[in-house]
C-alpha atoms as a PDB file:
ATOM      1  CA  MET A   1      -0.050   0.084  -0.086  1.00  0.00           C
ATOM      2  CA  SER A   2       2.831   2.368   0.839  1.00  0.00           C
ATOM      3  CA  HIS A   3       4.365   1.590  -2.528  1.00  0.00           C
ATOM      4  CA  ILE A   4       1.187   2.899  -4.366  1.00  0.00           C
ATOM      5  CA  LEU A   5       0.712   5.858  -2.114  1.00  0.00           C
ATOM      6  CA  MET A   6       4.544   6.834  -2.951  1.00  0.00           C
ATOM      7  CA  LYS A   7       3.759   6.580  -6.672  1.00  0.00           C
ATOM      8  CA  ALA A   8       0.592   8.713  -6.344  1.00  0.00           C
ATOM      9  CA  LEU A   9       2.405  11.278  -4.210  1.00  0.00           C
ATOM     10  CA  GLY A  10       5.079  11.346  -6.884  1.00  0.00           C
ATOM     11  CA  PHE A  11       2.581  12.302  -9.524  1.00  0.00           C
ATOM     12  CA  LEU A  12       1.044  14.903  -7.254  1.00  0.00           C
ATOM     13  CA  ALA A  13       4.564  16.496  -6.512  1.00  0.00           C
ATOM     14  CA  ILE A  14       5.182  16.782 -10.326  1.00  0.00           C
ATOM     15  CA  ILE A  15       1.857  18.331 -10.867  1.00  0.00           C
ATOM     16  CA  GLY A  16       2.654  20.755  -7.850  1.00  0.00           C
ATOM     17  CA  LEU A  17       6.100  21.370  -9.254  1.00  0.00           C
ATOM     18  CA  GLY A  18       4.528  22.417 -12.631  1.00  0.00           C
ATOM     19  CA  TYR A  19       2.107  24.728 -11.048  1.00  0.00           C
ATOM     20  CA  PHE A  20       4.874  26.258  -8.820  1.00  0.00           C
ATOM     21  CA  LEU A  21       6.981  26.843 -11.883  1.00  0.00           C
ATOM     22  CA  LYS A  22       4.086  28.351 -13.591  1.00  0.00           C
ATOM     23  CA  ILE A  23       3.176  30.923 -10.869  1.00  0.00           C
ATOM     24  CA  ARG A  24       6.822  31.738 -10.656  1.00  0.00           C
ATOM     25  CA  ARG A  25       6.820  32.392 -14.330  1.00  0.00           C
ATOM     26  CA  VAL A  26       9.668  29.983 -14.831  1.00  0.00           C
ATOM     27  CA  VAL A  27       7.518  28.167 -17.510  1.00  0.00           C
ATOM     28  CA  LYS A  28       5.463  30.402 -19.954  1.00  0.00           C
ATOM     29  CA  ARG A  29       2.495  29.657 -22.193  1.00  0.00           C
ATOM     30  CA  GLU A  30       4.920  29.858 -25.068  1.00  0.00           C
ATOM     31  CA  ASP A  31       6.841  26.748 -23.754  1.00  0.00           C
ATOM     32  CA  ALA A  32       3.784  24.586 -24.275  1.00  0.00           C
ATOM     33  CA  GLY A  33       4.865  23.779 -27.780  1.00  0.00           C
ATOM     34  CA  ILE A  34       8.230  22.553 -26.592  1.00  0.00           C
ATOM     35  CA  PHE A  35       6.683  20.394 -23.979  1.00  0.00           C
ATOM     36  CA  SER A  36       4.072  19.125 -26.420  1.00  0.00           C
ATOM     37  CA  THR A  37       6.694  18.257 -28.992  1.00  0.00           C
ATOM     38  CA  ILE A  38       8.688  16.170 -26.349  1.00  0.00           C
ATOM     39  CA  VAL A  39       5.612  14.422 -25.148  1.00  0.00           C
ATOM     40  CA  MET A  40       4.557  13.403 -28.861  1.00  0.00           C
ATOM     41  CA  ASN A  41       8.052  12.794 -30.160  1.00  0.00           C
ATOM     42  CA  VAL A  42       9.746  11.085 -27.268  1.00  0.00           C
ATOM     43  CA  THR A  43       7.577  10.061 -24.451  1.00  0.00           C
ATOM     44  CA  LEU A  44       4.717   8.440 -26.127  1.00  0.00           C
ATOM     45  CA  PRO A  45       6.927   6.468 -28.698  1.00  0.00           C
ATOM     46  CA  CYS A  46       9.144   5.346 -25.760  1.00  0.00           C
ATOM     47  CA  ALA A  47       6.061   4.060 -23.882  1.00  0.00           C
ATOM     48  CA  LEU A  48       4.782   2.217 -26.988  1.00  0.00           C
ATOM     49  CA  LEU A  49       8.312   0.578 -27.485  1.00  0.00           C
ATOM     50  CA  ALA A  50       8.474  -0.284 -23.777  1.00  0.00           C
ATOM     51  CA  SER A  51       5.221  -2.055 -23.944  1.00  0.00           C
ATOM     52  CA  ALA A  52       5.820  -3.892 -27.165  1.00  0.00           C
ATOM     53  CA  SER A  53       7.929  -6.500 -25.675  1.00  0.00           C
ATOM     54  CA  TYR A  54       4.804  -7.700 -23.593  1.00  0.00           C
ATOM     55  CA  ILE A  55       2.250  -7.749 -26.319  1.00  0.00           C
ATOM     56  CA  GLN A  56       1.082 -11.150 -27.526  1.00  0.00           C
ATOM     57  CA  LEU A  57      -0.834 -10.824 -30.775  1.00  0.00           C
ATOM     58  CA  SER A  58      -4.410 -12.082 -30.554  1.00  0.00           C
ATOM     59  CA  ALA A  59      -7.927 -11.084 -31.635  1.00  0.00           C
ATOM     60  CA  VAL A  60      -8.491  -9.703 -28.257  1.00  0.00           C
ATOM     61  CA  LEU A  61      -6.349  -6.782 -29.241  1.00  0.00           C
ATOM     62  CA  LEU A  62      -9.014  -5.541 -31.512  1.00  0.00           C
ATOM     63  CA  VAL A  63     -11.536  -4.938 -28.625  1.00  0.00           C
ATOM     64  CA  PRO A  64      -9.915  -1.716 -27.321  1.00  0.00           C
ATOM     65  CA  LEU A  65      -9.271  -0.548 -30.789  1.00  0.00           C
ATOM     66  CA  ILE A  66     -12.798  -0.893 -31.687  1.00  0.00           C
ATOM     67  CA  LEU A  67     -13.959   0.358 -28.314  1.00  0.00           C
ATOM     68  CA  GLY A  68     -12.163   3.564 -28.943  1.00  0.00           C
ATOM     69  CA  PHE A  69     -13.868   3.971 -32.208  1.00  0.00           C
ATOM     70  CA  VAL A  70     -17.261   3.104 -30.892  1.00  0.00           C
ATOM     71  CA  ALA A  71     -17.015   5.359 -27.666  1.00  0.00           C
ATOM     72  CA  ASN A  72     -16.357   8.335 -30.116  1.00  0.00           C
ATOM     73  CA  LEU A  73     -19.390   7.261 -32.047  1.00  0.00           C
ATOM     74  CA  ILE A  74     -21.498   7.211 -28.797  1.00  0.00           C
ATOM     75  CA  MET A  75     -20.317  10.798 -27.865  1.00  0.00           C
ATOM     76  CA  ASP A  76     -21.022  12.001 -31.363  1.00  0.00           C
ATOM     77  CA  ALA A  77     -24.610  10.704 -31.041  1.00  0.00           C
ATOM     78  CA  MET A  78     -24.905  12.544 -27.642  1.00  0.00           C
ATOM     79  CA  GLY A  79     -23.528  15.717 -29.348  1.00  0.00           C
ATOM     80  CA  TYR A  80     -25.979  15.416 -32.126  1.00  0.00           C
ATOM     81  CA  PHE A  81     -28.889  14.715 -29.695  1.00  0.00           C
ATOM     82  CA  ARG A  82     -27.761  17.863 -27.660  1.00  0.00           C
ATOM     83  CA  GLY A  83     -27.864  20.130 -30.795  1.00  0.00           C
ATOM     84  CA  ARG A  84     -31.009  18.404 -32.199  1.00  0.00           C
ATOM     85  CA  LYS A  85     -33.121  21.602 -32.120  1.00  0.00           C
ATOM     86  CA  GLN A  86     -30.517  23.747 -33.656  1.00  0.00           C
ATOM     87  CA  GLY A  87     -29.542  24.249 -37.162  1.00  0.00           C
ATOM     88  CA  ALA A  88     -27.376  21.809 -39.239  1.00  0.00           C
ATOM     89  CA  VAL A  89     -24.045  23.644 -38.603  1.00  0.00           C
ATOM     90  CA  ASP A  90     -24.797  23.962 -34.880  1.00  0.00           C
ATOM     91  CA  LYS A  91     -25.589  20.202 -34.804  1.00  0.00           C
ATOM     92  CA  GLY A  92     -22.113  19.466 -36.352  1.00  0.00           C
ATOM     93  CA  VAL A  93     -20.338  21.895 -33.921  1.00  0.00           C
ATOM     94  CA  SER A  94     -22.201  20.219 -31.016  1.00  0.00           C
ATOM     95  CA  LEU A  95     -21.195  16.753 -32.283  1.00  0.00           C
ATOM     96  CA  LEU A  96     -17.504  17.812 -32.503  1.00  0.00           C
ATOM     97  CA  GLN A  97     -17.412  19.396 -29.105  1.00  0.00           C
ATOM     98  CA  LEU A  98     -18.239  16.240 -27.349  1.00  0.00           C
ATOM     99  CA  SER A  99     -16.205  13.775 -29.313  1.00  0.00           C
ATOM    100  CA  GLY A 100     -12.647  12.674 -28.501  1.00  0.00           C
ATOM    101  CA  TYR A 101     -10.619  11.346 -25.639  1.00  0.00           C
ATOM    102  CA  ASN A 102      -7.175  12.684 -24.737  1.00  0.00           C
ATOM    103  CA  ILE A 103      -6.107   9.684 -22.618  1.00  0.00           C
ATOM    104  CA  GLY A 104      -2.525   9.420 -23.974  1.00  0.00           C
ATOM    105  CA  THR A 105      -1.153  12.212 -21.932  1.00  0.00           C
ATOM    106  CA  PHE A 106      -3.019  11.710 -18.761  1.00  0.00           C
ATOM    107  CA  SER A 107      -3.441   8.042 -18.319  1.00  0.00           C
ATOM    108  CA  LEU A 108      -0.227   6.552 -19.778  1.00  0.00           C
ATOM    109  CA  PRO A 109       1.893   7.628 -16.783  1.00  0.00           C
ATOM    110  CA  PHE A 110      -0.810   6.282 -14.503  1.00  0.00           C
ATOM    111  CA  VAL A 111      -1.025   2.848 -16.328  1.00  0.00           C
ATOM    112  CA  GLN A 112       2.783   2.688 -16.649  1.00  0.00           C
ATOM    113  CA  ALA A 113       3.377   3.272 -12.734  1.00  0.00           C
ATOM    114  CA  PHE A 114       0.391   1.281 -11.414  1.00  0.00           C
ATOM    115  CA  PHE A 115      -0.129  -1.613 -13.957  1.00  0.00           C
ATOM    116  CA  PRO A 116       1.928  -4.277 -15.559  1.00  0.00           C
ATOM    117  CA  ALA A 117       3.492  -3.056 -18.798  1.00  0.00           C
ATOM    118  CA  SER A 118       1.395  -5.386 -20.926  1.00  0.00           C
ATOM    119  CA  TYR A 119      -1.798  -3.128 -19.896  1.00  0.00           C
ATOM    120  CA  LEU A 120      -0.111  -0.323 -21.737  1.00  0.00           C
ATOM    121  CA  ALA A 121      -0.848  -1.971 -25.098  1.00  0.00           C
ATOM    122  CA  THR A 122      -4.408  -1.963 -24.339  1.00  0.00           C
ATOM    123  CA  VAL A 123      -4.566   1.733 -23.526  1.00  0.00           C
ATOM    124  CA  LEU A 124      -2.523   2.531 -26.767  1.00  0.00           C
ATOM    125  CA  LEU A 125      -4.902   0.599 -28.969  1.00  0.00           C
ATOM    126  CA  PHE A 126      -7.880   2.468 -27.487  1.00  0.00           C
ATOM    127  CA  ASP A 127      -6.110   5.803 -28.170  1.00  0.00           C
ATOM    128  CA  THR A 128      -5.374   4.482 -31.646  1.00  0.00           C
ATOM    129  CA  GLY A 129      -9.235   3.851 -32.226  1.00  0.00           C
ATOM    130  CA  ASN A 130      -9.901   7.257 -30.756  1.00  0.00           C
ATOM    131  CA  ALA A 131      -7.150   8.769 -33.100  1.00  0.00           C
ATOM    132  CA  PHE A 132      -9.004   7.533 -36.138  1.00  0.00           C
ATOM    133  CA  MET A 133     -12.149   9.584 -35.105  1.00  0.00           C
ATOM    134  CA  VAL A 134     -10.252  12.568 -33.631  1.00  0.00           C
ATOM    135  CA  LEU A 135      -8.041  13.165 -36.659  1.00  0.00           C
ATOM    136  CA  GLY A 136     -10.844  13.182 -39.269  1.00  0.00           C
ATOM    137  CA  GLY A 137     -13.515  10.784 -38.574  1.00  0.00           C
ATOM    138  CA  ASN A 138     -15.670  13.152 -36.312  1.00  0.00           C
ATOM    139  CA  TYR A 139     -15.179  15.889 -38.722  1.00  0.00           C
ATOM    140  CA  THR A 140     -16.356  13.978 -41.663  1.00  0.00           C
ATOM    141  CA  LEU A 141     -19.157  12.713 -39.800  1.00  0.00           C
ATOM    142  CA  ALA A 142     -20.298  16.431 -38.883  1.00  0.00           C
ATOM    143  CA  ALA A 143     -19.682  17.701 -42.455  1.00  0.00           C
ATOM    144  CA  SER A 144     -21.727  14.861 -43.858  1.00  0.00           C
ATOM    145  CA  LEU A 145     -24.634  15.898 -41.729  1.00  0.00           C
ATOM    146  CA  ASN A 146     -24.377  19.491 -42.817  1.00  0.00           C
ATOM    147  CA  ARG A 147     -24.231  18.449 -46.423  1.00  0.00           C
ATOM    148  CA  GLN A 148     -27.318  16.367 -46.085  1.00  0.00           C
ATOM    149  CA  LYS A 149     -29.366  19.086 -44.527  1.00  0.00           C
ATOM    150  CA  ASN A 150     -28.274  21.616 -47.231  1.00  0.00           C
ATOM    151  CA  HIS A 151     -29.284  19.329 -50.262  1.00  0.00           C
END
């Protein structure tokens, strides 16, 4: 139990350090691009490579991939339902506002710290299914709904 608490306190200390550096103006808003580049080009690929040795290929790996895709479709439907009384453009905007999960940055460190490395593959596959929708699928769906209403 103390091992888990130490890891959790370590995460809180890092968050606190980030906030402290922000209020002391050591880190500025302009620095976000640098941190984002490091996370996307170094941290996430290293996490993927670290978990790759534990992956055993099977059909079960398709489940989190499809779940990431389907979870976005559910959120798309909720956004569409939320904007159902508005115009076609507003329905599309409402759809886009609710879709997408940013789990990579937030859950990967947690999964790496508290779970076996093989669990990381599941999170990454969910994120991959999510990426298909976030990087174009949701926009295509919203745009096609808008086109259908205009014709």
